[in-house]
Amino acid sequence: MTLTESEIQEAIEKATSAFANFTDWQYNNEVNDEYLGFTIWGQYIPKPEEQMPRCFFITFDTHGENWTGHLSIGQHCYFWSSADAGDAHLLETEACKNLEDAIETLKVEIGNLFRAFSST
């Protein structure tokens, strides 16, 4: 699925609002060798002053009429993502009916992941 210009702006606003600490938001709005349609991603660098800082990415993409959310490290999520390409998937949501649901579902999954680390 690809989006209209107004839908793209709305998606950017929703993603940046939901993940305010992520920056450098970019998107793809075409079906090609790397994407199945509209995809938006932003990055978070916890320690940008490091010589080789770690980069975390939030990615939302479309599959047909559904949306999926991803948390990855190294690169944003795209069709050819692979640990061999320097990235790793940390979380992926089930297919959601809209971007809002994908955002909320990913936030829940991220919360569950971090609670697992903090449990004693």
PDB file of N, CA and C in Angstrom:
ATOM      1  N   MET A   1       0.842  -1.168   0.000  1.00  0.00           N
ATOM      2  CA  MET A   1       0.000   0.000   0.000  1.00  0.00           C
ATOM      3  C   MET A   1       0.892   1.237   0.000  1.00  0.00           C
ATOM      4  N   THR A   2       0.584   2.202  -0.808  1.00  0.00           N
ATOM      5  CA  THR A   2       1.248   3.494  -0.781  1.00  0.00           C
ATOM      6  C   THR A   2       0.248   4.525  -0.266  1.00  0.00           C
ATOM      7  N   LEU A   3       0.762   5.655   0.205  1.00  0.00           N
ATOM      8  CA  LEU A   3      -0.071   6.682   0.816  1.00  0.00           C
ATOM      9  C   LEU A   3      -0.072   7.960  -0.012  1.00  0.00           C
ATOM     10  N   THR A   4      -1.106   8.757   0.180  1.00  0.00           N
ATOM     11  CA  THR A   4      -1.143  10.083  -0.425  1.00  0.00           C
ATOM     12  C   THR A   4      -0.244  11.001   0.381  1.00  0.00           C
ATOM     13  N   GLU A   5       0.046  12.174  -0.158  1.00  0.00           N
ATOM     14  CA  GLU A   5       0.913  13.124   0.553  1.00  0.00           C
ATOM     15  C   GLU A   5       0.334  13.500   1.914  1.00  0.00           C
ATOM     16  N   SER A   6      -0.961  13.717   2.000  1.00  0.00           N
ATOM     17  CA  SER A   6      -1.564  14.070   3.300  1.00  0.00           C
ATOM     18  C   SER A   6      -1.515  12.891   4.268  1.00  0.00           C
ATOM     19  N   GLU A   7      -1.687  11.667   3.773  1.00  0.00           N
ATOM     20  CA  GLU A   7      -1.573  10.484   4.631  1.00  0.00           C
ATOM     21  C   GLU A   7      -0.141  10.300   5.129  1.00  0.00           C
ATOM     22  N   ILE A   8       0.832  10.619   4.273  1.00  0.00           N
ATOM     23  CA  ILE A   8       2.242  10.535   4.676  1.00  0.00           C
ATOM     24  C   ILE A   8       2.512  11.507   5.820  1.00  0.00           C
ATOM     25  N   GLN A   9       2.059  12.744   5.684  1.00  0.00           N
ATOM     26  CA  GLN A   9       2.278  13.745   6.733  1.00  0.00           C
ATOM     27  C   GLN A   9       1.600  13.338   8.034  1.00  0.00           C
ATOM     28  N   GLU A  10       0.405  12.767   7.926  1.00  0.00           N
ATOM     29  CA  GLU A  10      -0.306  12.294   9.110  1.00  0.00           C
ATOM     30  C   GLU A  10       0.459  11.149   9.785  1.00  0.00           C
ATOM     31  N   ALA A  11       1.000  10.229   9.004  1.00  0.00           N
ATOM     32  CA  ALA A  11       1.783   9.115   9.546  1.00  0.00           C
ATOM     33  C   ALA A  11       3.040   9.622  10.244  1.00  0.00           C
ATOM     34  N   ILE A  12       3.718  10.586   9.638  1.00  0.00           N
ATOM     35  CA  ILE A  12       4.915  11.165  10.249  1.00  0.00           C
ATOM     36  C   ILE A  12       4.562  11.815  11.579  1.00  0.00           C
ATOM     37  N   GLU A  13       3.488  12.574  11.618  1.00  0.00           N
ATOM     38  CA  GLU A  13       3.067  13.228  12.860  1.00  0.00           C
ATOM     39  C   GLU A  13       2.743  12.209  13.951  1.00  0.00           C
ATOM     40  N   LYS A  14       2.043  11.147  13.609  1.00  0.00           N
ATOM     41  CA  LYS A  14       1.684  10.121  14.594  1.00  0.00           C
ATOM     42  C   LYS A  14       2.925   9.422  15.127  1.00  0.00           C
ATOM     43  N   ALA A  15       3.845   9.057  14.246  1.00  0.00           N
ATOM     44  CA  ALA A  15       5.051   8.342  14.668  1.00  0.00           C
ATOM     45  C   ALA A  15       5.957   9.229  15.515  1.00  0.00           C
ATOM     46  N   THR A  16       6.170  10.477  15.089  1.00  0.00           N
ATOM     47  CA  THR A  16       7.059  11.361  15.852  1.00  0.00           C
ATOM     48  C   THR A  16       6.446  11.731  17.198  1.00  0.00           C
ATOM     49  N   SER A  17       5.144  11.828  17.259  1.00  0.00           N
ATOM     50  CA  SER A  17       4.471  12.116  18.525  1.00  0.00           C
ATOM     51  C   SER A  17       4.574  10.926  19.474  1.00  0.00           C
ATOM     52  N   ALA A  18       4.404   9.730  18.958  1.00  0.00           N
ATOM     53  CA  ALA A  18       4.433   8.521  19.782  1.00  0.00           C
ATOM     54  C   ALA A  18       5.837   8.176  20.271  1.00  0.00           C
ATOM     55  N   PHE A  19       6.857   8.516  19.478  1.00  0.00           N
ATOM     56  CA  PHE A  19       8.243   8.204  19.815  1.00  0.00           C
ATOM     57  C   PHE A  19       9.069   9.486  19.708  1.00  0.00           C
ATOM     58  N   ALA A  20       8.831  10.383  20.643  1.00  0.00           N
ATOM     59  CA  ALA A  20       9.411  11.731  20.594  1.00  0.00           C
ATOM     60  C   ALA A  20      10.935  11.751  20.687  1.00  0.00           C
ATOM     61  N   ASN A  21      11.543  10.734  21.276  1.00  0.00           N
ATOM     62  CA  ASN A  21      13.006  10.709  21.404  1.00  0.00           C
ATOM     63  C   ASN A  21      13.693  10.164  20.164  1.00  0.00           C
ATOM     64  N   PHE A  22      12.916   9.699  19.208  1.00  0.00           N
ATOM     65  CA  PHE A  22      13.490   9.218  17.953  1.00  0.00           C
ATOM     66  C   PHE A  22      13.552  10.378  16.968  1.00  0.00           C
ATOM     67  N   THR A  23      14.609  10.419  16.185  1.00  0.00           N
ATOM     68  CA  THR A  23      14.844  11.532  15.271  1.00  0.00           C
ATOM     69  C   THR A  23      15.112  11.012  13.865  1.00  0.00           C
ATOM     70  N   ASP A  24      15.407  11.938  12.988  1.00  0.00           N
ATOM     71  CA  ASP A  24      15.797  11.633  11.608  1.00  0.00           C
ATOM     72  C   ASP A  24      14.781  10.716  10.936  1.00  0.00           C
ATOM     73  N   TRP A  25      13.497  11.057  11.077  1.00  0.00           N
ATOM     74  CA  TRP A  25      12.425  10.251  10.489  1.00  0.00           C
ATOM     75  C   TRP A  25      12.491  10.320   8.966  1.00  0.00           C
ATOM     76  N   GLN A  26      12.423   9.155   8.341  1.00  0.00           N
ATOM     77  CA  GLN A  26      12.448   9.043   6.888  1.00  0.00           C
ATOM     78  C   GLN A  26      11.363   8.073   6.459  1.00  0.00           C
ATOM     79  N   TYR A  27      11.084   8.058   5.171  1.00  0.00           N
ATOM     80  CA  TYR A  27      10.075   7.124   4.688  1.00  0.00           C
ATOM     81  C   TYR A  27      10.333   6.725   3.246  1.00  0.00           C
ATOM     82  N   ASN A  28       9.701   5.630   2.863  1.00  0.00           N
ATOM     83  CA  ASN A  28       9.643   5.146   1.493  1.00  0.00           C
ATOM     84  C   ASN A  28       8.164   5.009   1.173  1.00  0.00           C
ATOM     85  N   ASN A  29       7.770   5.403  -0.020  1.00  0.00           N
ATOM     86  CA  ASN A  29       6.364   5.310  -0.393  1.00  0.00           C
ATOM     87  C   ASN A  29       6.195   4.646  -1.762  1.00  0.00           C
ATOM     88  N   GLU A  30       6.900   3.551  -1.958  1.00  0.00           N
ATOM     89  CA  GLU A  30       6.756   2.814  -3.204  1.00  0.00           C
ATOM     90  C   GLU A  30       7.069   1.343  -2.977  1.00  0.00           C
ATOM     91  N   VAL A  31       6.528   0.517  -3.818  1.00  0.00           N
ATOM     92  CA  VAL A  31       6.858  -0.901  -3.818  1.00  0.00           C
ATOM     93  C   VAL A  31       8.090  -1.057  -4.687  1.00  0.00           C
ATOM     94  N   ASN A  32       9.139  -1.660  -4.121  1.00  0.00           N
ATOM     95  CA  ASN A  32      10.375  -1.880  -4.876  1.00  0.00           C
ATOM     96  C   ASN A  32      11.097  -3.100  -4.313  1.00  0.00           C
ATOM     97  N   ASP A  33      12.362  -3.253  -4.610  1.00  0.00           N
ATOM     98  CA  ASP A  33      13.120  -4.426  -4.164  1.00  0.00           C
ATOM     99  C   ASP A  33      13.372  -4.458  -2.664  1.00  0.00           C
ATOM    100  N   GLU A  34      13.166  -3.338  -1.976  1.00  0.00           N
ATOM    101  CA  GLU A  34      13.448  -3.281  -0.546  1.00  0.00           C
ATOM    102  C   GLU A  34      12.215  -3.087   0.324  1.00  0.00           C
ATOM    103  N   TYR A  35      11.112  -2.640  -0.257  1.00  0.00           N
ATOM    104  CA  TYR A  35       9.911  -2.323   0.519  1.00  0.00           C
ATOM    105  C   TYR A  35       8.665  -2.847  -0.179  1.00  0.00           C
ATOM    106  N   LEU A  36       7.681  -3.221   0.638  1.00  0.00           N
ATOM    107  CA  LEU A  36       6.417  -3.714   0.100  1.00  0.00           C
ATOM    108  C   LEU A  36       5.384  -2.606  -0.034  1.00  0.00           C
ATOM    109  N   GLY A  37       5.773  -1.381   0.236  1.00  0.00           N
ATOM    110  CA  GLY A  37       4.872  -0.231   0.174  1.00  0.00           C
ATOM    111  C   GLY A  37       5.379   0.861   1.093  1.00  0.00           C
ATOM    112  N   PHE A  38       4.451   1.580   1.730  1.00  0.00           N
ATOM    113  CA  PHE A  38       4.848   2.670   2.610  1.00  0.00           C
ATOM    114  C   PHE A  38       5.565   2.127   3.838  1.00  0.00           C
ATOM    115  N   THR A  39       6.694   2.751   4.168  1.00  0.00           N
ATOM    116  CA  THR A  39       7.491   2.419   5.349  1.00  0.00           C
ATOM    117  C   THR A  39       8.018   3.724   5.926  1.00  0.00           C
ATOM    118  N   ILE A  40       7.950   3.848   7.248  1.00  0.00           N
ATOM    119  CA  ILE A  40       8.483   5.022   7.939  1.00  0.00           C
ATOM    120  C   ILE A  40       9.379   4.540   9.066  1.00  0.00           C
ATOM    121  N   TRP A  41      10.500   5.249   9.281  1.00  0.00           N
ATOM    122  CA  TRP A  41      11.408   4.863  10.353  1.00  0.00           C
ATOM    123  C   TRP A  41      12.078   6.084  10.961  1.00  0.00           C
ATOM    124  N   GLY A  42      12.408   5.942  12.249  1.00  0.00           N
ATOM    125  CA  GLY A  42      13.149   6.955  12.992  1.00  0.00           C
ATOM    126  C   GLY A  42      14.208   6.258  13.823  1.00  0.00           C
ATOM    127  N   GLN A  43      15.216   7.013  14.239  1.00  0.00           N
ATOM    128  CA  GLN A  43      16.315   6.406  14.997  1.00  0.00           C
ATOM    129  C   GLN A  43      16.502   7.069  16.347  1.00  0.00           C
ATOM    130  N   TYR A  44      17.073   6.298  17.262  1.00  0.00           N
ATOM    131  CA  TYR A  44      17.423   6.788  18.587  1.00  0.00           C
ATOM    132  C   TYR A  44      18.841   6.343  18.864  1.00  0.00           C
ATOM    133  N   ILE A  45      19.696   7.291  19.209  1.00  0.00           N
ATOM    134  CA  ILE A  45      21.094   7.001  19.526  1.00  0.00           C
ATOM    135  C   ILE A  45      21.317   7.391  20.980  1.00  0.00           C
ATOM    136  N   PRO A  46      21.370   6.403  21.895  1.00  0.00           N
ATOM    137  CA  PRO A  46      21.471   6.730  23.321  1.00  0.00           C
ATOM    138  C   PRO A  46      22.735   7.501  23.698  1.00  0.00           C
ATOM    139  N   LYS A  47      23.864   7.181  23.074  1.00  0.00           N
ATOM    140  CA  LYS A  47      25.136   7.841  23.392  1.00  0.00           C
ATOM    141  C   LYS A  47      25.796   8.294  22.096  1.00  0.00           C
ATOM    142  N   PRO A  48      25.310   9.401  21.521  1.00  0.00           N
ATOM    143  CA  PRO A  48      25.837   9.826  20.213  1.00  0.00           C
ATOM    144  C   PRO A  48      27.308  10.242  20.236  1.00  0.00           C
ATOM    145  N   GLU A  49      27.836  10.515  21.421  1.00  0.00           N
ATOM    146  CA  GLU A  49      29.229  10.949  21.515  1.00  0.00           C
ATOM    147  C   GLU A  49      30.220   9.793  21.358  1.00  0.00           C
ATOM    148  N   GLU A  50      29.768   8.557  21.443  1.00  0.00           N
ATOM    149  CA  GLU A  50      30.658   7.410  21.286  1.00  0.00           C
ATOM    150  C   GLU A  50      31.192   7.335  19.857  1.00  0.00           C
ATOM    151  N   GLN A  51      32.367   6.748  19.727  1.00  0.00           N
ATOM    152  CA  GLN A  51      32.976   6.641  18.410  1.00  0.00           C
ATOM    153  C   GLN A  51      32.128   5.801  17.460  1.00  0.00           C
ATOM    154  N   MET A  52      31.548   4.720  17.947  1.00  0.00           N
ATOM    155  CA  MET A  52      30.669   3.863  17.149  1.00  0.00           C
ATOM    156  C   MET A  52      29.368   3.668  17.923  1.00  0.00           C
ATOM    157  N   PRO A  53      28.513   4.691  17.932  1.00  0.00           N
ATOM    158  CA  PRO A  53      27.302   4.615  18.748  1.00  0.00           C
ATOM    159  C   PRO A  53      26.307   3.574  18.233  1.00  0.00           C
ATOM    160  N   ARG A  54      25.556   2.999  19.172  1.00  0.00           N
ATOM    161  CA  ARG A  54      24.489   2.063  18.807  1.00  0.00           C
ATOM    162  C   ARG A  54      23.283   2.868  18.345  1.00  0.00           C
ATOM    163  N   CYS A  55      22.638   2.408  17.301  1.00  0.00           N
ATOM    164  CA  CYS A  55      21.444   3.064  16.777  1.00  0.00           C
ATOM    165  C   CYS A  55      20.268   2.103  16.853  1.00  0.00           C
ATOM    166  N   PHE A  56      19.208   2.540  17.526  1.00  0.00           N
ATOM    167  CA  PHE A  56      17.968   1.782  17.588  1.00  0.00           C
ATOM    168  C   PHE A  56      16.979   2.428  16.623  1.00  0.00           C
ATOM    169  N   PHE A  57      16.142   1.607  16.014  1.00  0.00           N
ATOM    170  CA  PHE A  57      15.186   2.109  15.034  1.00  0.00           C
ATOM    171  C   PHE A  57      13.787   1.604  15.334  1.00  0.00           C
ATOM    172  N   ILE A  58      12.827   2.491  15.153  1.00  0.00           N
ATOM    173  CA  ILE A  58      11.416   2.145  15.130  1.00  0.00           C
ATOM    174  C   ILE A  58      11.008   2.219  13.660  1.00  0.00           C
ATOM    175  N   THR A  59      10.382   1.173  13.170  1.00  0.00           N
ATOM    176  CA  THR A  59       9.921   1.136  11.780  1.00  0.00           C
ATOM    177  C   THR A  59       8.465   0.697  11.756  1.00  0.00           C
ATOM    178  N   PHE A  60       7.676   1.358  10.935  1.00  0.00           N
ATOM    179  CA  PHE A  60       6.298   0.937  10.677  1.00  0.00           C
ATOM    180  C   PHE A  60       6.158   0.762   9.179  1.00  0.00           C
ATOM    181  N   ASP A  61       5.625  -0.383   8.784  1.00  0.00           N
ATOM    182  CA  ASP A  61       5.461  -0.613   7.355  1.00  0.00           C
ATOM    183  C   ASP A  61       4.104  -1.223   7.054  1.00  0.00           C
ATOM    184  N   THR A  62       3.750  -1.148   5.793  1.00  0.00           N
ATOM    185  CA  THR A  62       2.468  -1.666   5.339  1.00  0.00           C
ATOM    186  C   THR A  62       2.675  -2.987   4.618  1.00  0.00           C
ATOM    187  N   HIS A  63       1.727  -3.860   4.810  1.00  0.00           N
ATOM    188  CA  HIS A  63       1.657  -5.149   4.103  1.00  0.00           C
ATOM    189  C   HIS A  63       0.218  -5.266   3.648  1.00  0.00           C
ATOM    190  N   GLY A  64      -0.035  -5.003   2.396  1.00  0.00           N
ATOM    191  CA  GLY A  64      -1.425  -4.961   1.938  1.00  0.00           C
ATOM    192  C   GLY A  64      -2.125  -3.811   2.648  1.00  0.00           C
ATOM    193  N   GLU A  65      -3.192  -4.094   3.338  1.00  0.00           N
ATOM    194  CA  GLU A  65      -3.940  -3.063   4.066  1.00  0.00           C
ATOM    195  C   GLU A  65      -3.564  -3.009   5.543  1.00  0.00           C
ATOM    196  N   ASN A  66      -2.596  -3.816   5.968  1.00  0.00           N
ATOM    197  CA  ASN A  66      -2.207  -3.877   7.378  1.00  0.00           C
ATOM    198  C   ASN A  66      -0.901  -3.141   7.646  1.00  0.00           C
ATOM    199  N   TRP A  67      -0.686  -2.844   8.916  1.00  0.00           N
ATOM    200  CA  TRP A  67       0.529  -2.185   9.394  1.00  0.00           C
ATOM    201  C   TRP A  67       1.248  -3.104  10.372  1.00  0.00           C
ATOM    202  N   THR A  68       2.571  -3.041  10.364  1.00  0.00           N
ATOM    203  CA  THR A  68       3.401  -3.787  11.301  1.00  0.00           C
ATOM    204  C   THR A  68       4.425  -2.830  11.898  1.00  0.00           C
ATOM    205  N   GLY A  69       4.704  -2.990  13.193  1.00  0.00           N
ATOM    206  CA  GLY A  69       5.722  -2.188  13.863  1.00  0.00           C
ATOM    207  C   GLY A  69       6.931  -3.043  14.202  1.00  0.00           C
ATOM    208  N   HIS A  70       8.110  -2.425  14.172  1.00  0.00           N
ATOM    209  CA  HIS A  70       9.358  -3.145  14.418  1.00  0.00           C
ATOM    210  C   HIS A  70      10.278  -2.300  15.306  1.00  0.00           C
ATOM    211  N   LEU A  71      11.035  -2.969  16.146  1.00  0.00           N
ATOM    212  CA  LEU A  71      12.149  -2.366  16.870  1.00  0.00           C
ATOM    213  C   LEU A  71      13.380  -3.125  16.425  1.00  0.00           C
ATOM    214  N   SER A  72      14.393  -2.403  15.965  1.00  0.00           N
ATOM    215  CA  SER A  72      15.620  -3.044  15.491  1.00  0.00           C
ATOM    216  C   SER A  72      16.818  -2.240  15.958  1.00  0.00           C
ATOM    217  N   ILE A  73      17.972  -2.833  15.810  1.00  0.00           N
ATOM    218  CA  ILE A  73      19.230  -2.165  16.126  1.00  0.00           C
ATOM    219  C   ILE A  73      20.125  -2.282  14.902  1.00  0.00           C
ATOM    220  N   GLY A  74      20.870  -1.222  14.622  1.00  0.00           N
ATOM    221  CA  GLY A  74      21.807  -1.227  13.494  1.00  0.00           C
ATOM    222  C   GLY A  74      21.267  -0.535  12.266  1.00  0.00           C
ATOM    223  N   GLN A  75      20.063  -0.907  11.839  1.00  0.00           N
ATOM    224  CA  GLN A  75      19.410  -0.311  10.682  1.00  0.00           C
ATOM    225  C   GLN A  75      17.901  -0.377  10.895  1.00  0.00           C
ATOM    226  N   HIS A  76      17.199   0.407  10.106  1.00  0.00           N
ATOM    227  CA  HIS A  76      15.748   0.264  10.139  1.00  0.00           C
ATOM    228  C   HIS A  76      15.363  -1.049   9.464  1.00  0.00           C
ATOM    229  N   CYS A  77      14.160  -1.487   9.735  1.00  0.00           N
ATOM    230  CA  CYS A  77      13.675  -2.746   9.183  1.00  0.00           C
ATOM    231  C   CYS A  77      13.248  -2.537   7.731  1.00  0.00           C
ATOM    232  N   TYR A  78      13.731  -3.384   6.858  1.00  0.00           N
ATOM    233  CA  TYR A  78      13.308  -3.356   5.456  1.00  0.00           C
ATOM    234  C   TYR A  78      13.385  -4.782   4.921  1.00  0.00           C
ATOM    235  N   PHE A  79      12.996  -4.975   3.699  1.00  0.00           N
ATOM    236  CA  PHE A  79      12.845  -6.313   3.136  1.00  0.00           C
ATOM    237  C   PHE A  79      14.087  -7.175   3.285  1.00  0.00           C
ATOM    238  N   TRP A  80      15.261  -6.614   3.123  1.00  0.00           N
ATOM    239  CA  TRP A  80      16.497  -7.397   3.159  1.00  0.00           C
ATOM    240  C   TRP A  80      17.217  -7.314   4.493  1.00  0.00           C
ATOM    241  N   SER A  81      16.546  -6.882   5.536  1.00  0.00           N
ATOM    242  CA  SER A  81      17.191  -6.811   6.849  1.00  0.00           C
ATOM    243  C   SER A  81      17.736  -8.176   7.246  1.00  0.00           C
ATOM    244  N   SER A  82      18.919  -8.137   7.847  1.00  0.00           N
ATOM    245  CA  SER A  82      19.584  -9.379   8.226  1.00  0.00           C
ATOM    246  C   SER A  82      20.712  -9.060   9.199  1.00  0.00           C
ATOM    247  N   ALA A  83      20.951  -9.960  10.121  1.00  0.00           N
ATOM    248  CA  ALA A  83      22.090  -9.786  11.015  1.00  0.00           C
ATOM    249  C   ALA A  83      23.390  -9.720  10.210  1.00  0.00           C
ATOM    250  N   ASP A  84      23.419 -10.373   9.064  1.00  0.00           N
ATOM    251  CA  ASP A  84      24.598 -10.318   8.195  1.00  0.00           C
ATOM    252  C   ASP A  84      24.796  -8.923   7.609  1.00  0.00           C
ATOM    253  N   ALA A  85      23.726  -8.126   7.544  1.00  0.00           N
ATOM    254  CA  ALA A  85      23.810  -6.773   6.989  1.00  0.00           C
ATOM    255  C   ALA A  85      24.032  -5.731   8.093  1.00  0.00           C
ATOM    256  N   GLY A  86      24.274  -6.178   9.312  1.00  0.00           N
ATOM    257  CA  GLY A  86      24.599  -5.252  10.393  1.00  0.00           C
ATOM    258  C   GLY A  86      23.407  -4.805  11.212  1.00  0.00           C
ATOM    259  N   ASP A  87      22.280  -5.487  11.081  1.00  0.00           N
ATOM    260  CA  ASP A  87      21.142  -5.107  11.898  1.00  0.00           C
ATOM    261  C   ASP A  87      20.531  -6.341  12.536  1.00  0.00           C
ATOM    262  N   ALA A  88      19.690  -6.109  13.505  1.00  0.00           N
ATOM    263  CA  ALA A  88      19.014  -7.212  14.170  1.00  0.00           C
ATOM    264  C   ALA A  88      17.612  -6.768  14.558  1.00  0.00           C
ATOM    265  N   HIS A  89      16.649  -7.620  14.299  1.00  0.00           N
ATOM    266  CA  HIS A  89      15.280  -7.381  14.725  1.00  0.00           C
ATOM    267  C   HIS A  89      15.188  -7.709  16.209  1.00  0.00           C
ATOM    268  N   LEU A  90      14.628  -6.811  16.976  1.00  0.00           N
ATOM    269  CA  LEU A  90      14.424  -7.066  18.388  1.00  0.00           C
ATOM    270  C   LEU A  90      12.970  -7.417  18.662  1.00  0.00           C
ATOM    271  N   LEU A  91      12.050  -6.715  18.000  1.00  0.00           N
ATOM    272  CA  LEU A  91      10.611  -6.960  18.166  1.00  0.00           C
ATOM    273  C   LEU A  91       9.891  -6.707  16.859  1.00  0.00           C
ATOM    274  N   GLU A  92       8.770  -7.410  16.687  1.00  0.00           N
ATOM    275  CA  GLU A  92       7.887  -7.175  15.553  1.00  0.00           C
ATOM    276  C   GLU A  92       6.466  -7.438  16.014  1.00  0.00           C
ATOM    277  N   THR A  93       5.548  -6.589  15.644  1.00  0.00           N
ATOM    278  CA  THR A  93       4.154  -6.777  16.023  1.00  0.00           C
ATOM    279  C   THR A  93       3.450  -7.699  15.038  1.00  0.00           C
ATOM    280  N   GLU A  94       2.321  -8.193  15.458  1.00  0.00           N
ATOM    281  CA  GLU A  94       1.412  -8.866  14.540  1.00  0.00           C
ATOM    282  C   GLU A  94       0.846  -7.799  13.606  1.00  0.00           C
ATOM    283  N   ALA A  95       0.218  -8.214  12.522  1.00  0.00           N
ATOM    284  CA  ALA A  95      -0.406  -7.269  11.596  1.00  0.00           C
ATOM    285  C   ALA A  95      -1.534  -6.522  12.314  1.00  0.00           C
ATOM    286  N   CYS A  96      -1.567  -5.204  12.119  1.00  0.00           N
ATOM    287  CA  CYS A  96      -2.575  -4.342  12.736  1.00  0.00           C
ATOM    288  C   CYS A  96      -3.382  -3.660  11.631  1.00  0.00           C
ATOM    289  N   LYS A  97      -4.609  -3.289  11.940  1.00  0.00           N
ATOM    290  CA  LYS A  97      -5.505  -2.693  10.944  1.00  0.00           C
ATOM    291  C   LYS A  97      -5.118  -1.266  10.563  1.00  0.00           C
ATOM    292  N   ASN A  98      -4.400  -0.555  11.462  1.00  0.00           N
ATOM    293  CA  ASN A  98      -4.022   0.827  11.158  1.00  0.00           C
ATOM    294  C   ASN A  98      -2.738   1.181  11.897  1.00  0.00           C
ATOM    295  N   LEU A  99      -2.187   2.335  11.571  1.00  0.00           N
ATOM    296  CA  LEU A  99      -0.931   2.777  12.175  1.00  0.00           C
ATOM    297  C   LEU A  99      -1.078   2.978  13.676  1.00  0.00           C
ATOM    298  N   GLU A 100      -2.190   3.542  14.119  1.00  0.00           N
ATOM    299  CA  GLU A 100      -2.398   3.777  15.552  1.00  0.00           C
ATOM    300  C   GLU A 100      -2.308   2.470  16.342  1.00  0.00           C
ATOM    301  N   ASP A 101      -2.938   1.416  15.829  1.00  0.00           N
ATOM    302  CA  ASP A 101      -2.875   0.124  16.509  1.00  0.00           C
ATOM    303  C   ASP A 101      -1.460  -0.438  16.498  1.00  0.00           C
ATOM    304  N   ALA A 102      -0.745  -0.266  15.396  1.00  0.00           N
ATOM    305  CA  ALA A 102       0.639  -0.750  15.313  1.00  0.00           C
ATOM    306  C   ALA A 102       1.523  -0.012  16.315  1.00  0.00           C
ATOM    307  N   ILE A 103       1.322   1.287  16.470  1.00  0.00           N
ATOM    308  CA  ILE A 103       2.088   2.074  17.438  1.00  0.00           C
ATOM    309  C   ILE A 103       1.814   1.580  18.847  1.00  0.00           C
ATOM    310  N   GLU A 104       0.544   1.450  19.205  1.00  0.00           N
ATOM    311  CA  GLU A 104       0.195   1.011  20.559  1.00  0.00           C
ATOM    312  C   GLU A 104       0.676  -0.406  20.830  1.00  0.00           C
ATOM    313  N   THR A 105       0.551  -1.289  19.852  1.00  0.00           N
ATOM    314  CA  THR A 105       1.001  -2.671  20.018  1.00  0.00           C
ATOM    315  C   THR A 105       2.508  -2.727  20.201  1.00  0.00           C
ATOM    316  N   LEU A 106       3.249  -1.957  19.419  1.00  0.00           N
ATOM    317  CA  LEU A 106       4.708  -1.941  19.562  1.00  0.00           C
ATOM    318  C   LEU A 106       5.115  -1.385  20.918  1.00  0.00           C
ATOM    319  N   LYS A 107       4.443  -0.352  21.384  1.00  0.00           N
ATOM    320  CA  LYS A 107       4.762   0.196  22.708  1.00  0.00           C
ATOM    321  C   LYS A 107       4.547  -0.847  23.806  1.00  0.00           C
ATOM    322  N   VAL A 108       3.486  -1.617  23.701  1.00  0.00           N
ATOM    323  CA  VAL A 108       3.233  -2.685  24.677  1.00  0.00           C
ATOM    324  C   VAL A 108       4.348  -3.723  24.613  1.00  0.00           C
ATOM    325  N   GLU A 109       4.725  -4.128  23.403  1.00  0.00           N
ATOM    326  CA  GLU A 109       5.783  -5.121  23.238  1.00  0.00           C
ATOM    327  C   GLU A 109       7.124  -4.614  23.796  1.00  0.00           C
ATOM    328  N   ILE A 110       7.438  -3.351  23.544  1.00  0.00           N
ATOM    329  CA  ILE A 110       8.679  -2.765  24.077  1.00  0.00           C
ATOM    330  C   ILE A 110       8.623  -2.762  25.603  1.00  0.00           C
ATOM    331  N   GLY A 111       7.482  -2.376  26.168  1.00  0.00           N
ATOM    332  CA  GLY A 111       7.322  -2.394  27.627  1.00  0.00           C
ATOM    333  C   GLY A 111       7.513  -3.787  28.198  1.00  0.00           C
ATOM    334  N   ASN A 112       6.933  -4.782  27.547  1.00  0.00           N
ATOM    335  CA  ASN A 112       7.086  -6.169  28.004  1.00  0.00           C
ATOM    336  C   ASN A 112       8.543  -6.600  27.955  1.00  0.00           C
ATOM    337  N   LEU A 113       9.252  -6.231  26.902  1.00  0.00           N
ATOM    338  CA  LEU A 113      10.664  -6.583  26.766  1.00  0.00           C
ATOM    339  C   LEU A 113      11.486  -5.975  27.908  1.00  0.00           C
ATOM    340  N   PHE A 114      11.283  -4.705  28.168  1.00  0.00           N
ATOM    341  CA  PHE A 114      12.085  -4.062  29.202  1.00  0.00           C
ATOM    342  C   PHE A 114      11.689  -4.505  30.605  1.00  0.00           C
ATOM    343  N   ARG A 115      10.431  -4.855  30.818  1.00  0.00           N
ATOM    344  CA  ARG A 115      10.041  -5.427  32.110  1.00  0.00           C
ATOM    345  C   ARG A 115      10.721  -6.776  32.318  1.00  0.00           C
ATOM    346  N   ALA A 116      10.894  -7.545  31.263  1.00  0.00           N
ATOM    347  CA  ALA A 116      11.579  -8.838  31.363  1.00  0.00           C
ATOM    348  C   ALA A 116      13.018  -8.648  31.834  1.00  0.00           C
ATOM    349  N   PHE A 117      13.663  -7.596  31.392  1.00  0.00           N
ATOM    350  CA  PHE A 117      15.041  -7.319  31.813  1.00  0.00           C
ATOM    351  C   PHE A 117      15.114  -6.830  33.251  1.00  0.00           C
ATOM    352  N   SER A 118      14.075  -6.142  33.716  1.00  0.00           N
ATOM    353  CA  SER A 118      14.124  -5.557  35.052  1.00  0.00           C
ATOM    354  C   SER A 118      13.557  -6.467  36.132  1.00  0.00           C
ATOM    355  N   SER A 119      12.983  -7.606  35.756  1.00  0.00           N
ATOM    356  CA  SER A 119      12.436  -8.533  36.738  1.00  0.00           C
ATOM    357  C   SER A 119      13.556  -9.229  37.500  1.00  0.00           C
ATOM    358  N   THR A 120      13.260  -9.528  38.755  1.00  0.00           N
ATOM    359  CA  THR A 120      14.276 -10.231  39.561  1.00  0.00           C
ATOM    360  C   THR A 120      13.837 -11.629  39.880  1.00  0.00           C
TER     361      THR A 120
END
